[in-house]
Amino acid sequence: MTQSYTETLKENFANMHTDMLLERKLKGGLTDEAQKILDMELAKRNIDDEELKKYEMDEGTQKFISE
């Protein structure tokens, strides 16, 4: 039996490291359904907007240091 698009997204996001999910969220360009599933996976991991902002600031600092 083949998985639906939604089931595949849920499984893929569930298997991704949290940093990868945060990076994907910041990058954008997801379908509405994918964004909703990504947000649900982050919520399961207790990642809120505050955590996302911290990650974004850390990533910006890392990019600045490496340039």
PDB file of N, CA and C in Angstrom:
ATOM      1  N   MET A   1       0.842  -1.184   0.000  1.00  0.00           N
ATOM      2  CA  MET A   1       0.000   0.000   0.000  1.00  0.00           C
ATOM      3  C   MET A   1       0.889   1.249   0.000  1.00  0.00           C
ATOM      4  N   THR A   2       0.583   2.185  -0.850  1.00  0.00           N
ATOM      5  CA  THR A   2       1.368   3.410  -0.910  1.00  0.00           C
ATOM      6  C   THR A   2       0.857   4.429   0.102  1.00  0.00           C
ATOM      7  N   GLN A   3       1.803   5.201   0.611  1.00  0.00           N
ATOM      8  CA  GLN A   3       1.464   6.233   1.583  1.00  0.00           C
ATOM      9  C   GLN A   3       0.938   7.463   0.862  1.00  0.00           C
ATOM     10  N   SER A   4       0.074   8.181   1.536  1.00  0.00           N
ATOM     11  CA  SER A   4      -0.400   9.449   0.995  1.00  0.00           C
ATOM     12  C   SER A   4       0.699  10.502   1.179  1.00  0.00           C
ATOM     13  N   TYR A   5       0.535  11.603   0.476  1.00  0.00           N
ATOM     14  CA  TYR A   5       1.457  12.733   0.594  1.00  0.00           C
ATOM     15  C   TYR A   5       1.583  13.165   2.050  1.00  0.00           C
ATOM     16  N   THR A   6       0.450  13.274   2.734  1.00  0.00           N
ATOM     17  CA  THR A   6       0.437  13.701   4.134  1.00  0.00           C
ATOM     18  C   THR A   6       1.185  12.713   5.024  1.00  0.00           C
ATOM     19  N   GLU A   7       0.923  11.431   4.841  1.00  0.00           N
ATOM     20  CA  GLU A   7       1.600  10.408   5.643  1.00  0.00           C
ATOM     21  C   GLU A   7       3.100  10.425   5.407  1.00  0.00           C
ATOM     22  N   THR A   8       3.496  10.604   4.154  1.00  0.00           N
ATOM     23  CA  THR A   8       4.922  10.652   3.817  1.00  0.00           C
ATOM     24  C   THR A   8       5.589  11.853   4.478  1.00  0.00           C
ATOM     25  N   LEU A   9       4.933  13.009   4.423  1.00  0.00           N
ATOM     26  CA  LEU A   9       5.484  14.206   5.076  1.00  0.00           C
ATOM     27  C   LEU A   9       5.627  14.002   6.574  1.00  0.00           C
ATOM     28  N   LYS A  10       4.576  13.464   7.195  1.00  0.00           N
ATOM     29  CA  LYS A  10       4.622  13.227   8.640  1.00  0.00           C
ATOM     30  C   LYS A  10       5.792  12.322   9.005  1.00  0.00           C
ATOM     31  N   GLU A  11       5.969  11.262   8.254  1.00  0.00           N
ATOM     32  CA  GLU A  11       7.053  10.320   8.528  1.00  0.00           C
ATOM     33  C   GLU A  11       8.418  10.974   8.315  1.00  0.00           C
ATOM     34  N   ASN A  12       8.556  11.699   7.204  1.00  0.00           N
ATOM     35  CA  ASN A  12       9.840  12.361   6.918  1.00  0.00           C
ATOM     36  C   ASN A  12      10.195  13.389   7.985  1.00  0.00           C
ATOM     37  N   PHE A  13       9.230  14.232   8.350  1.00  0.00           N
ATOM     38  CA  PHE A  13       9.491  15.252   9.362  1.00  0.00           C
ATOM     39  C   PHE A  13       9.776  14.614  10.723  1.00  0.00           C
ATOM     40  N   ALA A  14       9.087  13.538  11.049  1.00  0.00           N
ATOM     41  CA  ALA A  14       9.299  12.855  12.333  1.00  0.00           C
ATOM     42  C   ALA A  14      10.713  12.281  12.423  1.00  0.00           C
ATOM     43  N   ASN A  15      11.289  11.929  11.285  1.00  0.00           N
ATOM     44  CA  ASN A  15      12.626  11.335  11.266  1.00  0.00           C
ATOM     45  C   ASN A  15      13.752  12.364  11.137  1.00  0.00           C
ATOM     46  N   MET A  16      13.411  13.621  10.938  1.00  0.00           N
ATOM     47  CA  MET A  16      14.424  14.665  10.777  1.00  0.00           C
ATOM     48  C   MET A  16      14.881  15.195  12.133  1.00  0.00           C
ATOM     49  N   HIS A  17      16.138  15.588  12.200  1.00  0.00           N
ATOM     50  CA  HIS A  17      16.687  16.241  13.386  1.00  0.00           C
ATOM     51  C   HIS A  17      16.005  17.603  13.546  1.00  0.00           C
ATOM     52  N   THR A  18      15.828  18.040  14.768  1.00  0.00           N
ATOM     53  CA  THR A  18      15.142  19.302  15.044  1.00  0.00           C
ATOM     54  C   THR A  18      15.801  20.470  14.319  1.00  0.00           C
ATOM     55  N   ASP A  19      17.129  20.507  14.282  1.00  0.00           N
ATOM     56  CA  ASP A  19      17.815  21.598  13.570  1.00  0.00           C
ATOM     57  C   ASP A  19      17.428  21.627  12.095  1.00  0.00           C
ATOM     58  N   MET A  20      17.281  20.451  11.505  1.00  0.00           N
ATOM     59  CA  MET A  20      16.893  20.380  10.097  1.00  0.00           C
ATOM     60  C   MET A  20      15.468  20.907   9.897  1.00  0.00           C
ATOM     61  N   LEU A  21      14.587  20.600  10.836  1.00  0.00           N
ATOM     62  CA  LEU A  21      13.213  21.098  10.744  1.00  0.00           C
ATOM     63  C   LEU A  21      13.178  22.621  10.869  1.00  0.00           C
ATOM     64  N   LEU A  22      13.951  23.148  11.804  1.00  0.00           N
ATOM     65  CA  LEU A  22      13.996  24.600  11.989  1.00  0.00           C
ATOM     66  C   LEU A  22      14.564  25.285  10.750  1.00  0.00           C
ATOM     67  N   GLU A  23      15.597  24.705  10.187  1.00  0.00           N
ATOM     68  CA  GLU A  23      16.189  25.261   8.967  1.00  0.00           C
ATOM     69  C   GLU A  23      15.167  25.257   7.827  1.00  0.00           C
ATOM     70  N   ARG A  24      14.440  24.158   7.713  1.00  0.00           N
ATOM     71  CA  ARG A  24      13.429  24.032   6.660  1.00  0.00           C
ATOM     72  C   ARG A  24      12.325  25.065   6.846  1.00  0.00           C
ATOM     73  N   LYS A  25      11.921  25.289   8.091  1.00  0.00           N
ATOM     74  CA  LYS A  25      10.872  26.274   8.368  1.00  0.00           C
ATOM     75  C   LYS A  25      11.345  27.681   8.000  1.00  0.00           C
ATOM     76  N   LEU A  26      12.583  28.005   8.351  1.00  0.00           N
ATOM     77  CA  LEU A  26      13.113  29.332   8.046  1.00  0.00           C
ATOM     78  C   LEU A  26      13.292  29.538   6.545  1.00  0.00           C
ATOM     79  N   LYS A  27      13.640  28.483   5.852  1.00  0.00           N
ATOM     80  CA  LYS A  27      13.852  28.568   4.404  1.00  0.00           C
ATOM     81  C   LYS A  27      12.554  28.878   3.672  1.00  0.00           C
ATOM     82  N   GLY A  28      11.435  28.332   4.176  1.00  0.00           N
ATOM     83  CA  GLY A  28      10.132  28.589   3.566  1.00  0.00           C
ATOM     84  C   GLY A  28       9.930  27.809   2.277  1.00  0.00           C
ATOM     85  N   GLY A  29       8.944  28.232   1.517  1.00  0.00           N
ATOM     86  CA  GLY A  29       8.661  27.611   0.240  1.00  0.00           C
ATOM     87  C   GLY A  29       7.893  26.297   0.324  1.00  0.00           C
ATOM     88  N   LEU A  30       7.335  25.991   1.487  1.00  0.00           N
ATOM     89  CA  LEU A  30       6.574  24.754   1.653  1.00  0.00           C
ATOM     90  C   LEU A  30       5.124  24.965   1.233  1.00  0.00           C
ATOM     91  N   THR A  31       4.478  23.888   0.859  1.00  0.00           N
ATOM     92  CA  THR A  31       3.047  23.964   0.603  1.00  0.00           C
ATOM     93  C   THR A  31       2.348  24.238   1.933  1.00  0.00           C
ATOM     94  N   ASP A  32       1.110  24.675   1.865  1.00  0.00           N
ATOM     95  CA  ASP A  32       0.350  24.931   3.094  1.00  0.00           C
ATOM     96  C   ASP A  32       0.265  23.669   3.944  1.00  0.00           C
ATOM     97  N   GLU A  33       0.027  22.533   3.285  1.00  0.00           N
ATOM     98  CA  GLU A  33      -0.086  21.275   4.018  1.00  0.00           C
ATOM     99  C   GLU A  33       1.242  20.898   4.684  1.00  0.00           C
ATOM    100  N   ALA A  34       2.335  21.049   3.943  1.00  0.00           N
ATOM    101  CA  ALA A  34       3.652  20.724   4.497  1.00  0.00           C
ATOM    102  C   ALA A  34       3.982  21.644   5.672  1.00  0.00           C
ATOM    103  N   GLN A  35       3.648  22.918   5.560  1.00  0.00           N
ATOM    104  CA  GLN A  35       3.903  23.874   6.644  1.00  0.00           C
ATOM    105  C   GLN A  35       3.125  23.487   7.893  1.00  0.00           C
ATOM    106  N   LYS A  36       1.877  23.089   7.715  1.00  0.00           N
ATOM    107  CA  LYS A  36       1.037  22.680   8.836  1.00  0.00           C
ATOM    108  C   LYS A  36       1.628  21.446   9.526  1.00  0.00           C
ATOM    109  N   ILE A  37       2.060  20.477   8.746  1.00  0.00           N
ATOM    110  CA  ILE A  37       2.638  19.251   9.303  1.00  0.00           C
ATOM    111  C   ILE A  37       3.959  19.551   9.997  1.00  0.00           C
ATOM    112  N   LEU A  38       4.764  20.424   9.408  1.00  0.00           N
ATOM    113  CA  LEU A  38       6.028  20.821  10.033  1.00  0.00           C
ATOM    114  C   LEU A  38       5.761  21.512  11.368  1.00  0.00           C
ATOM    115  N   ASP A  39       4.794  22.401  11.404  1.00  0.00           N
ATOM    116  CA  ASP A  39       4.447  23.091  12.650  1.00  0.00           C
ATOM    117  C   ASP A  39       3.972  22.099  13.714  1.00  0.00           C
ATOM    118  N   MET A  40       3.201  21.095  13.292  1.00  0.00           N
ATOM    119  CA  MET A  40       2.728  20.081  14.237  1.00  0.00           C
ATOM    120  C   MET A  40       3.903  19.276  14.798  1.00  0.00           C
ATOM    121  N   GLU A  41       4.866  18.949  13.953  1.00  0.00           N
ATOM    122  CA  GLU A  41       6.032  18.185  14.416  1.00  0.00           C
ATOM    123  C   GLU A  41       6.865  19.023  15.384  1.00  0.00           C
ATOM    124  N   LEU A  42       7.048  20.297  15.088  1.00  0.00           N
ATOM    125  CA  LEU A  42       7.791  21.170  16.000  1.00  0.00           C
ATOM    126  C   LEU A  42       7.056  21.309  17.335  1.00  0.00           C
ATOM    127  N   ALA A  43       5.744  21.388  17.289  1.00  0.00           N
ATOM    128  CA  ALA A  43       4.955  21.487  18.529  1.00  0.00           C
ATOM    129  C   ALA A  43       5.119  20.216  19.369  1.00  0.00           C
ATOM    130  N   LYS A  44       5.173  19.062  18.726  1.00  0.00           N
ATOM    131  CA  LYS A  44       5.395  17.804  19.447  1.00  0.00           C
ATOM    132  C   LYS A  44       6.718  17.836  20.194  1.00  0.00           C
ATOM    133  N   ARG A  45       7.680  18.562  19.623  1.00  0.00           N
ATOM    134  CA  ARG A  45       9.017  18.654  20.219  1.00  0.00           C
ATOM    135  C   ARG A  45       9.143  19.858  21.144  1.00  0.00           C
ATOM    136  N   ASN A  46       8.029  20.515  21.431  1.00  0.00           N
ATOM    137  CA  ASN A  46       7.990  21.695  22.299  1.00  0.00           C
ATOM    138  C   ASN A  46       8.841  22.843  21.775  1.00  0.00           C
ATOM    139  N   ILE A  47       8.876  22.984  20.461  1.00  0.00           N
ATOM    140  CA  ILE A  47       9.592  24.088  19.830  1.00  0.00           C
ATOM    141  C   ILE A  47       8.565  25.164  19.500  1.00  0.00           C
ATOM    142  N   ASP A  48       8.740  26.339  20.108  1.00  0.00           N
ATOM    143  CA  ASP A  48       7.802  27.432  19.873  1.00  0.00           C
ATOM    144  C   ASP A  48       8.494  28.558  19.104  1.00  0.00           C
ATOM    145  N   ASP A  49       7.783  29.661  18.910  1.00  0.00           N
ATOM    146  CA  ASP A  49       8.338  30.788  18.157  1.00  0.00           C
ATOM    147  C   ASP A  49       9.601  31.343  18.805  1.00  0.00           C
ATOM    148  N   GLU A  50       9.663  31.293  20.127  1.00  0.00           N
ATOM    149  CA  GLU A  50      10.851  31.785  20.846  1.00  0.00           C
ATOM    150  C   GLU A  50      12.078  30.941  20.487  1.00  0.00           C
ATOM    151  N   GLU A  51      11.899  29.627  20.461  1.00  0.00           N
ATOM    152  CA  GLU A  51      12.993  28.725  20.082  1.00  0.00           C
ATOM    153  C   GLU A  51      13.410  28.964  18.639  1.00  0.00           C
ATOM    154  N   LEU A  52      12.436  29.196  17.777  1.00  0.00           N
ATOM    155  CA  LEU A  52      12.727  29.459  16.362  1.00  0.00           C
ATOM    156  C   LEU A  52      13.558  30.737  16.226  1.00  0.00           C
ATOM    157  N   LYS A  53      13.205  31.767  16.984  1.00  0.00           N
ATOM    158  CA  LYS A  53      13.965  33.026  16.938  1.00  0.00           C
ATOM    159  C   LYS A  53      15.394  32.820  17.419  1.00  0.00           C
ATOM    160  N   LYS A  54      15.561  32.035  18.492  1.00  0.00           N
ATOM    161  CA  LYS A  54      16.909  31.746  18.993  1.00  0.00           C
ATOM    162  C   LYS A  54      17.725  31.021  17.926  1.00  0.00           C
ATOM    163  N   TYR A  55      17.100  30.046  17.286  1.00  0.00           N
ATOM    164  CA  TYR A  55      17.791  29.281  16.244  1.00  0.00           C
ATOM    165  C   TYR A  55      18.182  30.200  15.093  1.00  0.00           C
ATOM    166  N   GLU A  56      17.272  31.064  14.692  1.00  0.00           N
ATOM    167  CA  GLU A  56      17.533  31.980  13.585  1.00  0.00           C
ATOM    168  C   GLU A  56      18.697  32.916  13.917  1.00  0.00           C
ATOM    169  N   MET A  57      18.735  33.411  15.152  1.00  0.00           N
ATOM    170  CA  MET A  57      19.828  34.284  15.574  1.00  0.00           C
ATOM    171  C   MET A  57      21.149  33.514  15.600  1.00  0.00           C
ATOM    172  N   ASP A  58      21.119  32.288  16.101  1.00  0.00           N
ATOM    173  CA  ASP A  58      22.328  31.467  16.134  1.00  0.00           C
ATOM    174  C   ASP A  58      22.831  31.186  14.728  1.00  0.00           C
ATOM    175  N   GLU A  59      21.929  30.875  13.812  1.00  0.00           N
ATOM    176  CA  GLU A  59      22.311  30.604  12.426  1.00  0.00           C
ATOM    177  C   GLU A  59      22.911  31.847  11.787  1.00  0.00           C
ATOM    178  N   GLY A  60      22.324  33.009  12.042  1.00  0.00           N
ATOM    179  CA  GLY A  60      22.851  34.251  11.510  1.00  0.00           C
ATOM    180  C   GLY A  60      24.250  34.534  12.025  1.00  0.00           C
ATOM    181  N   THR A  61      24.477  34.253  13.291  1.00  0.00           N
ATOM    182  CA  THR A  61      25.799  34.434  13.889  1.00  0.00           C
ATOM    183  C   THR A  61      26.806  33.486  13.249  1.00  0.00           C
ATOM    184  N   GLN A  62      26.414  32.240  13.042  1.00  0.00           N
ATOM    185  CA  GLN A  62      27.311  31.263  12.431  1.00  0.00           C
ATOM    186  C   GLN A  62      27.680  31.661  11.013  1.00  0.00           C
ATOM    187  N   LYS A  63      26.707  32.142  10.258  1.00  0.00           N
ATOM    188  CA  LYS A  63      26.967  32.580   8.872  1.00  0.00           C
ATOM    189  C   LYS A  63      27.906  33.774   8.866  1.00  0.00           C
ATOM    190  N   PHE A  64      27.703  34.708   9.809  1.00  0.00           N
ATOM    191  CA  PHE A  64      28.545  35.896   9.890  1.00  0.00           C
ATOM    192  C   PHE A  64      29.989  35.493  10.217  1.00  0.00           C
ATOM    193  N   ILE A  65      30.152  34.562  11.157  1.00  0.00           N
ATOM    194  CA  ILE A  65      31.487  34.117  11.563  1.00  0.00           C
ATOM    195  C   ILE A  65      32.200  33.413  10.408  1.00  0.00           C
ATOM    196  N   SER A  66      31.469  32.628   9.633  1.00  0.00           N
ATOM    197  CA  SER A  66      32.111  31.846   8.569  1.00  0.00           C
ATOM    198  C   SER A  66      32.405  32.671   7.316  1.00  0.00           C
ATOM    199  N   GLU A  67      31.877  33.877   7.230  1.00  0.00           N
ATOM    200  CA  GLU A  67      32.124  34.704   6.032  1.00  0.00           C
ATOM    201  C   GLU A  67      33.406  35.487   6.113  1.00  0.00           C
TER     202      GLU A  67
END
